[in-house]
Amino acid sequence: MTGLTVDHDPEQNWDDLVRFWEEMEWPEGSKVEIIEGIVTVSPAPAYHHNVIAARIHRRLLSGIPEDWEVFQTLAVAVPSRRGMLIPDLVVAPVVDGEGLSSHIPAGMAELVVEVTSKSNAVHDRVSKPAAYAAGGIPLYLLVDRWAAGGPTVTLYGEPTGDVYRVLHAGKFGDVITLPEPFDLTLDTSVFPVD
């Protein structure tokens, strides 16, 4: 199944759009995001997708400060790009939570990880990195299972405007080093290939 877009007024202001996203009853288990002002509903990720996310999650836990956490279903708001995005993983400090409900501002995130799904990989390759960079998220890890030449892993950093610099680009099997404050390596040879 591919992602669906939801019919709504594209001219809605940001607050009304977020309220629509928060208050609508969505299909159980679906992933609902606002991407460039369009509400998008995607099915739950496939098994290998989840295995990759779980292996990255496990590795990240060994390299983050005690007052940070790795979140799997936390939405990240980027109002300037009309985006309410739900990465596969978000690393962010744990805070009081006052004023936080269904999402955090992008500026709180230290790292976001996206594992592509075949049906909506273009969002992870184009729309989301632009939004994450514009939101000031220092690192973006893209695990692209459906890249044209075979599965790839790209680490982006040093955001300027809505553009990241590529810090590492490789294929499954490579070892990637996440810079400070993580200072850990990810062995991508443990990622399953479809």
Protein backbone atom coordinates (compact mmCIF):
# COMPACT_ATOMS: atom_id res chain seq x y z
CA MET A 1 0.00 0.00 0.00
CA THR A 2 1.24 3.48 -0.80
CA GLY A 3 0.79 6.68 1.18
CA LEU A 4 -2.35 8.74 0.74
CA THR A 5 -2.88 12.47 0.93
CA VAL A 6 -5.81 13.89 2.85
CA ASP A 7 -8.11 16.45 1.29
CA HIS A 8 -7.95 19.66 3.31
CA ASP A 9 -7.62 23.38 2.65
CA PRO A 10 -3.99 23.90 1.52
CA GLU A 11 -4.26 27.56 2.53
CA GLN A 12 -4.94 26.72 6.19
CA ASN A 13 -2.70 28.59 8.57
CA TRP A 14 -0.14 26.53 10.49
CA ASP A 15 -2.07 26.39 13.78
CA ASP A 16 -5.28 25.23 12.05
CA LEU A 17 -3.33 22.63 10.08
CA VAL A 18 -1.71 21.26 13.25
CA ARG A 19 -5.08 21.21 15.02
CA PHE A 20 -6.57 19.25 12.07
CA TRP A 21 -3.62 16.80 12.25
CA GLU A 22 -4.00 16.38 16.03
CA GLU A 23 -7.78 16.08 16.21
CA MET A 24 -8.62 13.91 13.19
CA GLU A 25 -9.13 10.18 13.79
CA TRP A 26 -6.56 8.42 11.64
CA PRO A 27 -6.41 4.70 10.73
CA GLU A 28 -4.92 2.61 13.54
CA GLY A 29 -1.20 1.93 13.02
CA SER A 30 -0.77 4.48 10.24
CA LYS A 31 1.89 7.19 10.14
CA VAL A 32 0.34 10.62 9.60
CA GLU A 33 2.60 13.53 8.74
CA ILE A 34 2.32 17.02 7.31
CA ILE A 35 4.83 17.29 4.48
CA GLU A 36 5.11 20.70 2.82
CA GLY A 37 1.62 21.57 4.06
CA ILE A 38 0.00 18.34 2.82
CA VAL A 39 -1.34 15.77 5.29
CA THR A 40 0.06 12.38 4.26
CA VAL A 41 -1.09 9.02 5.64
CA SER A 42 1.26 6.04 5.22
CA PRO A 43 0.89 2.42 6.29
CA ALA A 44 3.01 1.01 9.12
CA PRO A 45 6.57 0.21 8.00
CA ALA A 46 7.53 -3.29 6.85
CA TYR A 47 9.50 -5.82 8.90
CA HIS A 48 13.02 -5.14 7.48
CA HIS A 49 12.41 -1.41 7.84
CA ASN A 50 11.71 -1.95 11.54
CA VAL A 51 14.73 -4.24 12.01
CA ILE A 52 17.03 -1.52 10.64
CA ALA A 53 15.46 1.14 12.87
CA ALA A 54 15.74 -1.17 15.91
CA ARG A 55 19.44 -1.87 15.25
CA ILE A 56 20.23 1.82 14.91
CA HIS A 57 18.18 2.54 18.05
CA ARG A 58 20.12 -0.05 20.06
CA ARG A 59 23.46 1.36 18.92
CA LEU A 60 22.46 4.97 19.63
CA LEU A 61 21.57 4.13 23.22
CA SER A 62 25.24 3.38 23.90
CA GLY A 63 26.40 6.81 22.80
CA ILE A 64 23.96 9.39 24.11
CA PRO A 65 24.01 11.35 27.37
CA GLU A 66 21.80 10.09 30.22
CA ASP A 67 19.39 13.01 29.85
CA TRP A 68 18.74 12.26 26.14
CA GLU A 69 16.47 9.62 24.65
CA VAL A 70 15.84 7.86 21.34
CA PHE A 71 12.19 8.25 20.32
CA GLN A 72 10.41 6.14 17.70
CA THR A 73 7.08 7.88 17.18
CA LEU A 74 7.81 11.48 18.10
CA ALA A 75 6.71 14.17 15.65
CA VAL A 76 9.05 17.04 14.85
CA ALA A 77 7.52 20.41 13.93
CA VAL A 78 9.05 22.64 11.28
CA PRO A 79 6.47 25.42 10.79
CA SER A 80 8.68 27.37 8.35
CA ARG A 81 8.44 24.39 5.95
CA ARG A 82 4.82 23.56 6.89
CA GLY A 83 6.04 20.22 8.21
CA MET A 84 5.01 17.91 11.04
CA LEU A 85 7.32 15.00 10.39
CA ILE A 86 7.65 11.66 12.16
CA PRO A 87 11.14 10.29 11.59
CA ASP A 88 11.84 6.62 12.29
CA LEU A 89 14.08 7.79 15.14
CA VAL A 90 14.59 11.12 16.89
CA VAL A 91 17.36 11.73 19.41
CA ALA A 92 16.59 14.63 21.73
CA PRO A 93 17.11 15.71 25.32
CA VAL A 94 14.36 14.78 27.74
CA VAL A 95 12.77 17.97 29.05
CA ASP A 96 10.03 18.86 31.51
CA GLY A 97 7.39 18.52 28.79
CA GLU A 98 5.48 21.64 29.78
CA GLY A 99 3.84 22.93 26.61
CA LEU A 100 4.79 19.81 24.64
CA SER A 101 2.03 17.49 23.52
CA SER A 102 2.10 15.52 20.31
CA HIS A 103 5.36 16.96 18.96
CA ILE A 104 8.58 18.83 19.67
CA PRO A 105 10.07 21.80 17.84
CA ALA A 106 12.76 20.69 15.38
CA GLY A 107 15.35 22.73 17.27
CA MET A 108 15.18 20.26 20.17
CA ALA A 109 16.33 17.30 18.06
CA GLU A 110 20.02 16.40 17.84
CA LEU A 111 19.62 13.66 15.21
CA VAL A 112 16.82 12.29 13.05
CA VAL A 113 16.92 8.97 11.23
CA GLU A 114 14.78 8.00 8.25
CA VAL A 115 14.66 4.51 6.76
CA THR A 116 13.02 4.71 3.34
CA SER A 117 9.92 2.82 2.39
CA LYS A 118 9.48 2.02 -1.29
CA SER A 119 6.23 3.96 -1.60
CA ASN A 120 7.41 7.28 -0.19
CA ALA A 121 11.22 7.32 -0.45
CA VAL A 122 11.17 10.64 -2.34
CA HIS A 123 9.97 12.43 0.81
CA ASP A 124 12.94 11.04 2.79
CA ARG A 125 15.36 12.04 0.02
CA VAL A 126 14.06 15.53 -0.82
CA SER A 127 11.30 17.10 1.28
CA LYS A 128 12.33 15.88 4.71
CA PRO A 129 16.05 16.76 4.58
CA ALA A 130 15.13 20.29 3.48
CA ALA A 131 12.72 20.59 6.41
CA TYR A 132 15.12 19.05 8.94
CA ALA A 133 17.93 21.38 7.81
CA ALA A 134 15.61 24.41 7.93
CA GLY A 135 14.61 23.34 11.45
CA GLY A 136 18.27 23.37 12.53
CA ILE A 137 18.60 19.66 13.32
CA PRO A 138 22.38 19.08 13.43
CA LEU A 139 22.44 15.54 11.93
CA TYR A 140 20.21 13.60 9.54
CA LEU A 141 20.87 9.92 8.80
CA LEU A 142 19.15 8.56 5.69
CA VAL A 143 19.06 4.79 5.28
CA ASP A 144 17.86 4.42 1.70
CA ARG A 145 16.87 0.81 1.14
CA TRP A 146 15.49 1.62 -2.33
CA ALA A 147 18.29 3.72 -3.88
CA ALA A 148 18.76 3.11 -7.61
CA GLY A 149 22.23 1.52 -7.31
CA GLY A 150 21.39 -0.55 -4.23
CA PRO A 151 20.87 0.29 -0.56
CA THR A 152 22.79 3.34 0.68
CA VAL A 153 23.42 5.19 3.92
CA THR A 154 24.02 8.95 3.97
CA LEU A 155 24.86 11.08 6.97
CA TYR A 156 24.06 14.77 6.57
CA GLY A 157 25.21 17.59 8.85
CA GLU A 158 26.14 21.26 9.10
CA PRO A 159 22.74 22.59 8.00
CA THR A 160 22.63 25.98 6.29
CA GLY A 161 19.17 27.24 5.39
CA ASP A 162 17.36 24.21 4.03
CA VAL A 163 20.48 22.38 2.84
CA TYR A 164 22.78 19.89 4.56
CA ARG A 165 26.37 19.02 3.75
CA VAL A 166 27.02 15.31 3.11
CA LEU A 167 29.30 14.04 5.88
CA HIS A 168 29.32 10.41 4.70
CA ALA A 169 27.82 8.59 1.73
CA GLY A 170 28.16 4.84 1.35
CA LYS A 171 26.50 1.52 0.76
CA PHE A 172 25.15 -1.12 3.11
CA GLY A 173 28.18 -2.81 4.62
CA ASP A 174 30.05 0.42 5.34
CA VAL A 175 30.83 1.61 8.84
CA ILE A 176 29.62 5.14 9.57
CA THR A 177 30.99 7.32 12.34
CA LEU A 178 28.55 9.71 13.97
CA PRO A 179 30.45 12.80 15.14
CA GLU A 180 30.29 14.46 18.57
CA PRO A 181 28.24 14.48 20.68
CA PHE A 182 27.58 10.85 19.65
CA ASP A 183 31.09 9.73 18.78
CA LEU A 184 30.02 6.20 17.85
CA THR A 185 30.11 3.95 14.82
CA LEU A 186 27.27 2.20 13.02
CA ASP A 187 28.04 -1.05 11.20
CA THR A 188 25.56 -1.12 8.33
CA SER A 189 26.48 -4.71 7.39
CA VAL A 190 23.89 -5.81 9.99
CA PHE A 191 21.06 -4.16 8.01
CA PRO A 192 18.84 -6.65 6.16
CA VAL A 193 18.42 -6.19 2.41
CA ASP A 194 15.08 -6.83 0.67
